[in-house]
């Protein structure tokens, strides 16, 4: 039964579902990453959560994320502790 601690946030009127993942997500192929994002998005929507799923994970030199281009400045400034501080839900299926 997969379970993810997530941050369901609203920034500037936009709902985002931030999913902290472990470092191994960065080693997945683009196809694998897209499949996981699609699964997380579907499961979040089925759970009644609105917004775009944004996976974020630690990397050697900071954080990596996959987000709409307009949100790159916002996510580019975050630290791992910022991400963890915003955790407010659990997504389980």
Foldseek 3Di string as FASTA:
>chain_A
DDKFQWFFDADPNATEIETEDEPCLVVDDPVVNVVVLVVVVVQCVVVVRDHHYKYKYADPVFIDIDDPPVCCVVVVPDGPVNRVVRGDDMRDD
